Every structure is written in C-alpha cells, then in structure tokens.
PDB file of all heavy atoms in Angstrom:
ATOM      1  N   VAL A   1       0.863  -1.181   0.001  1.00  0.00           N
ATOM      2  CA  VAL A   1      -0.001   0.000   0.001  1.00  0.00           C
ATOM      3  C   VAL A   1       0.899   1.231   0.001  1.00  0.00           C
ATOM      4  O   VAL A   1       1.754   1.380   0.878  1.00  0.00           O
ATOM      5  CB  VAL A   1      -0.930   0.005   1.232  1.00  0.00           C
ATOM      6  CG1 VAL A   1      -1.779   1.277   1.248  1.00  0.00           C
ATOM      7  CG2 VAL A   1      -1.813  -1.231   1.238  1.00  0.00           C
ATOM      8  N   VAL A   2       0.702   2.096  -0.984  1.00  0.00           N
ATOM      9  CA  VAL A   2       1.568   3.265  -1.165  1.00  0.00           C
ATOM     10  C   VAL A   2       0.772   4.531  -0.867  1.00  0.00           C
ATOM     11  O   VAL A   2      -0.194   4.853  -1.572  1.00  0.00           O
ATOM     12  CB  VAL A   2       2.135   3.319  -2.597  1.00  0.00           C
ATOM     13  CG1 VAL A   2       3.109   4.489  -2.729  1.00  0.00           C
ATOM     14  CG2 VAL A   2       2.810   2.003  -2.964  1.00  0.00           C
ATOM     15  N   GLU A   3       1.180   5.236   0.163  1.00  0.00           N
ATOM     16  CA  GLU A   3       0.512   6.476   0.568  1.00  0.00           C
ATOM     17  C   GLU A   3       1.231   7.696   0.016  1.00  0.00           C
ATOM     18  O   GLU A   3       2.354   7.612  -0.478  1.00  0.00           O
ATOM     19  CB  GLU A   3       0.446   6.545   2.084  1.00  0.00           C
ATOM     20  CG  GLU A   3      -0.296   5.389   2.739  1.00  0.00           C
ATOM     21  CD  GLU A   3      -0.301   5.484   4.252  1.00  0.00           C
ATOM     22  OE1 GLU A   3       0.735   5.133   4.853  1.00  0.00           O
ATOM     23  OE2 GLU A   3      -1.310   5.923   4.818  1.00  0.00           O
ATOM     24  N   HIS A   4       0.550   8.836   0.117  1.00  0.00           N
ATOM     25  CA  HIS A   4       1.105  10.147  -0.226  1.00  0.00           C
ATOM     26  C   HIS A   4       1.440  10.285  -1.707  1.00  0.00           C
ATOM     27  O   HIS A   4       2.428  10.933  -2.075  1.00  0.00           O
ATOM     28  CB  HIS A   4       2.353  10.448   0.615  1.00  0.00           C
ATOM     29  CG  HIS A   4       2.088  10.479   2.078  1.00  0.00           C
ATOM     30  ND1 HIS A   4       3.105  10.521   3.020  1.00  0.00           N
ATOM     31  CD2 HIS A   4       0.928  10.450   2.795  1.00  0.00           C
ATOM     32  CE1 HIS A   4       2.574  10.517   4.238  1.00  0.00           C
ATOM     33  NE2 HIS A   4       1.253  10.474   4.111  1.00  0.00           N
ATOM     34  N   LEU A   5       0.636   9.662  -2.565  1.00  0.00           N
ATOM     35  CA  LEU A   5       0.790   9.878  -3.999  1.00  0.00           C
ATOM     36  C   LEU A   5       0.110  11.200  -4.349  1.00  0.00           C
ATOM     37  O   LEU A   5      -1.033  11.457  -3.945  1.00  0.00           O
ATOM     38  CB  LEU A   5       0.157   8.723  -4.774  1.00  0.00           C
ATOM     39  CG  LEU A   5       0.262   8.752  -6.301  1.00  0.00           C
ATOM     40  CD1 LEU A   5       1.722   8.792  -6.745  1.00  0.00           C
ATOM     41  CD2 LEU A   5      -0.433   7.534  -6.908  1.00  0.00           C
ATOM     42  N   ALA A   6       0.821  12.041  -5.086  1.00  0.00           N
ATOM     43  CA  ALA A   6       0.303  13.380  -5.393  1.00  0.00           C
ATOM     44  C   ALA A   6      -1.047  13.303  -6.108  1.00  0.00           C
ATOM     45  O   ALA A   6      -1.373  12.315  -6.765  1.00  0.00           O
ATOM     46  CB  ALA A   6       1.314  14.130  -6.264  1.00  0.00           C
ATOM     47  N   GLY A   7      -1.839  14.370  -5.960  1.00  0.00           N
ATOM     48  CA  GLY A   7      -3.132  14.439  -6.624  1.00  0.00           C
ATOM     49  C   GLY A   7      -4.233  13.729  -5.873  1.00  0.00           C
ATOM     50  O   GLY A   7      -5.168  13.220  -6.507  1.00  0.00           O
ATOM     51  N   ASP A   8      -4.106  13.659  -4.534  1.00  0.00           N
ATOM     52  CA  ASP A   8      -5.120  12.995  -3.705  1.00  0.00           C
ATOM     53  C   ASP A   8      -5.349  11.564  -4.175  1.00  0.00           C
ATOM     54  O   ASP A   8      -6.478  11.141  -4.460  1.00  0.00           O
ATOM     55  CB  ASP A   8      -6.434  13.782  -3.734  1.00  0.00           C
ATOM     56  CG  ASP A   8      -7.447  13.253  -2.711  1.00  0.00           C
ATOM     57  OD1 ASP A   8      -7.006  12.716  -1.680  1.00  0.00           O
ATOM     58  OD2 ASP A   8      -8.667  13.365  -2.966  1.00  0.00           O
ATOM     59  N   ARG A   9      -4.267  10.806  -4.251  1.00  0.00           N
ATOM     60  CA  ARG A   9      -4.325   9.421  -4.706  1.00  0.00           C
ATOM     61  C   ARG A   9      -3.428   8.548  -3.829  1.00  0.00           C
ATOM     62  O   ARG A   9      -2.541   9.031  -3.122  1.00  0.00           O
ATOM     63  CB  ARG A   9      -3.854   9.298  -6.161  1.00  0.00           C
ATOM     64  CG  ARG A   9      -4.705  10.062  -7.175  1.00  0.00           C
ATOM     65  CD  ARG A   9      -4.046  10.057  -8.551  1.00  0.00           C
ATOM     66  NE  ARG A   9      -2.732  10.667  -8.502  1.00  0.00           N
ATOM     67  CZ  ARG A   9      -1.803  10.532  -9.460  1.00  0.00           C
ATOM     68  NH1 ARG A   9      -2.039   9.795 -10.524  1.00  0.00           N
ATOM     69  NH2 ARG A   9      -0.633  11.136  -9.344  1.00  0.00           N
ATOM     70  N   TRP A  10      -3.655   7.241  -3.897  1.00  0.00           N
ATOM     71  CA  TRP A  10      -2.758   6.260  -3.313  1.00  0.00           C
ATOM     72  C   TRP A  10      -2.637   5.112  -4.301  1.00  0.00           C
ATOM     73  O   TRP A  10      -3.301   5.103  -5.347  1.00  0.00           O
ATOM     74  CB  TRP A  10      -3.247   5.776  -1.945  1.00  0.00           C
ATOM     75  CG  TRP A  10      -4.606   5.137  -1.921  1.00  0.00           C
ATOM     76  CD1 TRP A  10      -5.811   5.766  -2.042  1.00  0.00           C
ATOM     77  CD2 TRP A  10      -4.895   3.747  -1.736  1.00  0.00           C
ATOM     78  NE1 TRP A  10      -6.842   4.863  -1.949  1.00  0.00           N
ATOM     79  CE2 TRP A  10      -6.315   3.616  -1.760  1.00  0.00           C
ATOM     80  CE3 TRP A  10      -4.130   2.611  -1.536  1.00  0.00           C
ATOM     81  CZ2 TRP A  10      -6.952   2.384  -1.598  1.00  0.00           C
ATOM     82  CZ3 TRP A  10      -4.760   1.383  -1.368  1.00  0.00           C
ATOM     83  CH2 TRP A  10      -6.143   1.271  -1.411  1.00  0.00           C
ATOM     84  N   ALA A  11      -1.761   4.180  -4.025  1.00  0.00           N
ATOM     85  CA  ALA A  11      -1.509   3.093  -4.976  1.00  0.00           C
ATOM     86  C   ALA A  11      -1.451   1.764  -4.239  1.00  0.00           C
ATOM     87  O   ALA A  11      -1.135   1.703  -3.045  1.00  0.00           O
ATOM     88  CB  ALA A  11      -0.218   3.340  -5.744  1.00  0.00           C
ATOM     89  N   LEU A  12      -1.758   0.718  -4.970  1.00  0.00           N
ATOM     90  CA  LEU A  12      -1.654  -0.644  -4.457  1.00  0.00           C
ATOM     91  C   LEU A  12      -0.830  -1.446  -5.448  1.00  0.00           C
ATOM     92  O   LEU A  12      -1.209  -1.598  -6.612  1.00  0.00           O
ATOM     93  CB  LEU A  12      -3.048  -1.269  -4.297  1.00  0.00           C
ATOM     94  CG  LEU A  12      -3.084  -2.733  -3.833  1.00  0.00           C
ATOM     95  CD1 LEU A  12      -2.493  -2.874  -2.437  1.00  0.00           C
ATOM     96  CD2 LEU A  12      -4.518  -3.264  -3.866  1.00  0.00           C
ATOM     97  N   ILE A  13       0.317  -1.942  -4.994  1.00  0.00           N
ATOM     98  CA  ILE A  13       1.185  -2.777  -5.823  1.00  0.00           C
ATOM     99  C   ILE A  13       0.962  -4.228  -5.421  1.00  0.00           C
ATOM    100  O   ILE A  13       1.156  -4.598  -4.261  1.00  0.00           O
ATOM    101  CB  ILE A  13       2.678  -2.407  -5.640  1.00  0.00           C
ATOM    102  CG1 ILE A  13       2.904  -0.921  -5.928  1.00  0.00           C
ATOM    103  CG2 ILE A  13       3.552  -3.271  -6.531  1.00  0.00           C
ATOM    104  CD1 ILE A  13       4.320  -0.452  -5.616  1.00  0.00           C
ATOM    105  N   VAL A  14       0.537  -5.045  -6.354  1.00  0.00           N
ATOM    106  CA  VAL A  14       0.313  -6.471  -6.103  1.00  0.00           C
ATOM    107  C   VAL A  14       1.321  -7.256  -6.919  1.00  0.00           C
ATOM    108  O   VAL A  14       1.390  -7.109  -8.145  1.00  0.00           O
ATOM    109  CB  VAL A  14      -1.122  -6.890  -6.475  1.00  0.00           C
ATOM    110  CG1 VAL A  14      -1.308  -8.389  -6.258  1.00  0.00           C
ATOM    111  CG2 VAL A  14      -2.138  -6.112  -5.649  1.00  0.00           C
ATOM    112  N   ARG A  15       2.109  -8.085  -6.247  1.00  0.00           N
ATOM    113  CA  ARG A  15       3.099  -8.924  -6.925  1.00  0.00           C
ATOM    114  C   ARG A  15       2.865 -10.386  -6.564  1.00  0.00           C
ATOM    115  O   ARG A  15       2.505 -10.717  -5.441  1.00  0.00           O
ATOM    116  CB  ARG A  15       4.520  -8.556  -6.499  1.00  0.00           C
ATOM    117  CG  ARG A  15       5.079  -7.309  -7.115  1.00  0.00           C
ATOM    118  CD  ARG A  15       6.588  -7.261  -6.938  1.00  0.00           C
ATOM    119  NE  ARG A  15       6.990  -7.469  -5.553  1.00  0.00           N
ATOM    120  CZ  ARG A  15       8.048  -8.190  -5.173  1.00  0.00           C
ATOM    121  NH1 ARG A  15       8.799  -8.810  -6.065  1.00  0.00           N
ATOM    122  NH2 ARG A  15       8.349  -8.305  -3.885  1.00  0.00           N
ATOM    123  N   ALA A  16       3.103 -11.256  -7.539  1.00  0.00           N
ATOM    124  CA  ALA A  16       3.044 -12.701  -7.300  1.00  0.00           C
ATOM    125  C   ALA A  16       4.116 -13.359  -8.154  1.00  0.00           C
ATOM    126  O   ALA A  16       4.449 -12.872  -9.240  1.00  0.00           O
ATOM    127  CB  ALA A  16       1.669 -13.262  -7.634  1.00  0.00           C
ATOM    128  N   HIS A  17       4.641 -14.471  -7.680  1.00  0.00           N
ATOM    129  CA  HIS A  17       5.699 -15.149  -8.413  1.00  0.00           C
ATOM    130  C   HIS A  17       5.149 -15.756  -9.701  1.00  0.00           C
ATOM    131  O   HIS A  17       3.991 -16.172  -9.774  1.00  0.00           O
ATOM    132  CB  HIS A  17       6.315 -16.249  -7.536  1.00  0.00           C
ATOM    133  CG  HIS A  17       7.653 -16.712  -8.032  1.00  0.00           C
ATOM    134  ND1 HIS A  17       7.790 -17.675  -9.001  1.00  0.00           N
ATOM    135  CD2 HIS A  17       8.903 -16.342  -7.675  1.00  0.00           C
ATOM    136  CE1 HIS A  17       9.075 -17.877  -9.229  1.00  0.00           C
ATOM    137  NE2 HIS A  17       9.775 -17.075  -8.438  1.00  0.00           N
ATOM    138  N   HIS A  18       6.008 -15.798 -10.717  1.00  0.00           N
ATOM    139  CA  HIS A  18       5.596 -16.334 -12.017  1.00  0.00           C
ATOM    140  C   HIS A  18       5.237 -17.817 -11.933  1.00  0.00           C
ATOM    141  O   HIS A  18       4.524 -18.330 -12.808  1.00  0.00           O
ATOM    142  CB  HIS A  18       6.721 -16.136 -13.045  1.00  0.00           C
ATOM    143  CG  HIS A  18       6.216 -15.881 -14.426  1.00  0.00           C
ATOM    144  ND1 HIS A  18       5.036 -16.403 -14.902  1.00  0.00           N
ATOM    145  CD2 HIS A  18       6.747 -15.153 -15.459  1.00  0.00           C
ATOM    146  CE1 HIS A  18       4.862 -16.014 -16.161  1.00  0.00           C
ATOM    147  NE2 HIS A  18       5.863 -15.256 -16.507  1.00  0.00           N
ATOM    148  N   SER A  19       5.673 -18.501 -10.898  1.00  0.00           N
ATOM    149  CA  SER A  19       5.262 -19.899 -10.718  1.00  0.00           C
ATOM    150  C   SER A  19       3.804 -19.988 -10.283  1.00  0.00           C
ATOM    151  O   SER A  19       3.167 -21.035 -10.412  1.00  0.00           O
ATOM    152  CB  SER A  19       6.147 -20.601  -9.687  1.00  0.00           C
ATOM    153  OG  SER A  19       6.042 -19.966  -8.419  1.00  0.00           O
ATOM    154  N   LEU A  20       3.256 -18.889  -9.773  1.00  0.00           N
ATOM    155  CA  LEU A  20       1.877 -18.848  -9.285  1.00  0.00           C
ATOM    156  C   LEU A  20       0.918 -18.276 -10.309  1.00  0.00           C
ATOM    157  O   LEU A  20      -0.236 -18.708 -10.410  1.00  0.00           O
ATOM    158  CB  LEU A  20       1.819 -18.018  -7.993  1.00  0.00           C
ATOM    159  CG  LEU A  20       0.459 -17.809  -7.335  1.00  0.00           C
ATOM    160  CD1 LEU A  20      -0.113 -19.145  -6.863  1.00  0.00           C
ATOM    161  CD2 LEU A  20       0.591 -16.856  -6.148  1.00  0.00           C
ATOM    162  N   VAL A  21       1.379 -17.307 -11.101  1.00  0.00           N
ATOM    163  CA  VAL A  21       0.495 -16.627 -12.051  1.00  0.00           C
ATOM    164  C   VAL A  21       1.222 -16.342 -13.359  1.00  0.00           C
ATOM    165  O   VAL A  21       2.453 -16.245 -13.405  1.00  0.00           O
ATOM    166  CB  VAL A  21      -0.039 -15.293 -11.484  1.00  0.00           C
ATOM    167  CG1 VAL A  21      -0.884 -15.508 -10.249  1.00  0.00           C
ATOM    168  CG2 VAL A  21       1.107 -14.321 -11.198  1.00  0.00           C
ATOM    169  N   ASP A  22       0.440 -16.216 -14.427  1.00  0.00           N
ATOM    170  CA  ASP A  22       0.920 -15.595 -15.651  1.00  0.00           C
ATOM    171  C   ASP A  22       0.268 -14.221 -15.759  1.00  0.00           C
ATOM    172  O   ASP A  22      -0.330 -13.738 -14.782  1.00  0.00           O
ATOM    173  CB  ASP A  22       0.627 -16.482 -16.879  1.00  0.00           C
ATOM    174  CG  ASP A  22      -0.859 -16.802 -17.038  1.00  0.00           C
ATOM    175  OD1 ASP A  22      -1.704 -16.070 -16.486  1.00  0.00           O
ATOM    176  OD2 ASP A  22      -1.174 -17.795 -17.716  1.00  0.00           O
ATOM    177  N   GLY A  23       0.374 -13.574 -16.922  1.00  0.00           N
ATOM    178  CA  GLY A  23      -0.163 -12.228 -17.026  1.00  0.00           C
ATOM    179  C   GLY A  23      -1.654 -12.137 -16.777  1.00  0.00           C
ATOM    180  O   GLY A  23      -2.132 -11.274 -16.048  1.00  0.00           O
ATOM    181  N   VAL A  24      -2.420 -13.066 -17.385  1.00  0.00           N
ATOM    182  CA  VAL A  24      -3.876 -13.018 -17.251  1.00  0.00           C
ATOM    183  C   VAL A  24      -4.306 -13.347 -15.829  1.00  0.00           C
ATOM    184  O   VAL A  24      -5.115 -12.631 -15.227  1.00  0.00           O
ATOM    185  CB  VAL A  24      -4.532 -13.985 -18.255  1.00  0.00           C
ATOM    186  CG1 VAL A  24      -6.039 -14.061 -18.030  1.00  0.00           C
ATOM    187  CG2 VAL A  24      -4.225 -13.550 -19.689  1.00  0.00           C
ATOM    188  N   SER A  25      -3.783 -14.431 -15.260  1.00  0.00           N
ATOM    189  CA  SER A  25      -4.185 -14.795 -13.903  1.00  0.00           C
ATOM    190  C   SER A  25      -3.643 -13.805 -12.873  1.00  0.00           C
ATOM    191  O   SER A  25      -4.222 -13.631 -11.798  1.00  0.00           O
ATOM    192  CB  SER A  25      -3.729 -16.221 -13.569  1.00  0.00           C
ATOM    193  OG  SER A  25      -2.327 -16.363 -13.700  1.00  0.00           O
ATOM    194  N   GLY A  26      -2.540 -13.129 -13.214  1.00  0.00           N
ATOM    195  CA  GLY A  26      -2.026 -12.103 -12.308  1.00  0.00           C
ATOM    196  C   GLY A  26      -2.973 -10.924 -12.184  1.00  0.00           C
ATOM    197  O   GLY A  26      -3.195 -10.394 -11.092  1.00  0.00           O
ATOM    198  N   ILE A  27      -3.568 -10.516 -13.312  1.00  0.00           N
ATOM    199  CA  ILE A  27      -4.550  -9.435 -13.262  1.00  0.00           C
ATOM    200  C   ILE A  27      -5.814  -9.905 -12.545  1.00  0.00           C
ATOM    201  O   ILE A  27      -6.456  -9.146 -11.804  1.00  0.00           O
ATOM    202  CB  ILE A  27      -4.878  -8.942 -14.682  1.00  0.00           C
ATOM    203  CG1 ILE A  27      -3.629  -8.308 -15.301  1.00  0.00           C
ATOM    204  CG2 ILE A  27      -6.020  -7.941 -14.660  1.00  0.00           C
ATOM    205  CD1 ILE A  27      -3.045  -7.161 -14.494  1.00  0.00           C
ATOM    206  N   SER A  28      -6.182 -11.173 -12.745  1.00  0.00           N
ATOM    207  CA  SER A  28      -7.333 -11.716 -12.022  1.00  0.00           C
ATOM    208  C   SER A  28      -7.086 -11.702 -10.523  1.00  0.00           C
ATOM    209  O   SER A  28      -8.014 -11.481  -9.734  1.00  0.00           O
ATOM    210  CB  SER A  28      -7.634 -13.133 -12.500  1.00  0.00           C
ATOM    211  OG  SER A  28      -8.002 -13.144 -13.867  1.00  0.00           O
ATOM    212  N   LEU A  29      -5.824 -11.937 -10.117  1.00  0.00           N
ATOM    213  CA  LEU A  29      -5.487 -11.877  -8.695  1.00  0.00           C
ATOM    214  C   LEU A  29      -5.716 -10.469  -8.160  1.00  0.00           C
ATOM    215  O   LEU A  29      -6.306 -10.282  -7.084  1.00  0.00           O
ATOM    216  CB  LEU A  29      -4.033 -12.306  -8.481  1.00  0.00           C
ATOM    217  CG  LEU A  29      -3.489 -12.166  -7.062  1.00  0.00           C
ATOM    218  CD1 LEU A  29      -4.274 -13.035  -6.095  1.00  0.00           C
ATOM    219  CD2 LEU A  29      -2.000 -12.527  -7.026  1.00  0.00           C
ATOM    220  N   LEU A  30      -5.251  -9.465  -8.897  1.00  0.00           N
ATOM    221  CA  LEU A  30      -5.468  -8.090  -8.454  1.00  0.00           C
ATOM    222  C   LEU A  30      -6.964  -7.782  -8.392  1.00  0.00           C
ATOM    223  O   LEU A  30      -7.432  -7.149  -7.429  1.00  0.00           O
ATOM    224  CB  LEU A  30      -4.771  -7.109  -9.399  1.00  0.00           C
ATOM    225  CG  LEU A  30      -4.873  -5.638  -9.003  1.00  0.00           C
ATOM    226  CD1 LEU A  30      -3.582  -4.897  -9.326  1.00  0.00           C
ATOM    227  CD2 LEU A  30      -6.035  -4.936  -9.695  1.00  0.00           C
ATOM    228  N   GLU A  31      -7.723  -8.234  -9.386  1.00  0.00           N
ATOM    229  CA  GLU A  31      -9.172  -8.028  -9.360  1.00  0.00           C
ATOM    230  C   GLU A  31      -9.811  -8.641  -8.120  1.00  0.00           C
ATOM    231  O   GLU A  31     -10.763  -8.096  -7.550  1.00  0.00           O
ATOM    232  CB  GLU A  31      -9.813  -8.632 -10.605  1.00  0.00           C
ATOM    233  CG  GLU A  31      -9.660  -7.829 -11.876  1.00  0.00           C
ATOM    234  CD  GLU A  31     -10.510  -8.407 -12.986  1.00  0.00           C
ATOM    235  OE1 GLU A  31     -11.733  -8.159 -12.988  1.00  0.00           O
ATOM    236  OE2 GLU A  31      -9.956  -9.124 -13.842  1.00  0.00           O
TER     237      GLU A  31
END
C-alpha cells in the first residue's frame, strides 16, 4: 500500500511469483 501519492491518490502494488500466475491470472489476482 503506497501512501502520499500526489493528486489525492494512493496506490496498491500487487506482486506474485511467475510460478503462481501468468499475465492473465495475475490481473485476475489483483481483481
């Protein structure tokens, strides 16, 4: 969880190992 992003925003970085997800399933994980 990333706080203090300019413009009244914050960010969420989601990472998973490539053994667990590929590109499509990685986005599904974030969803």
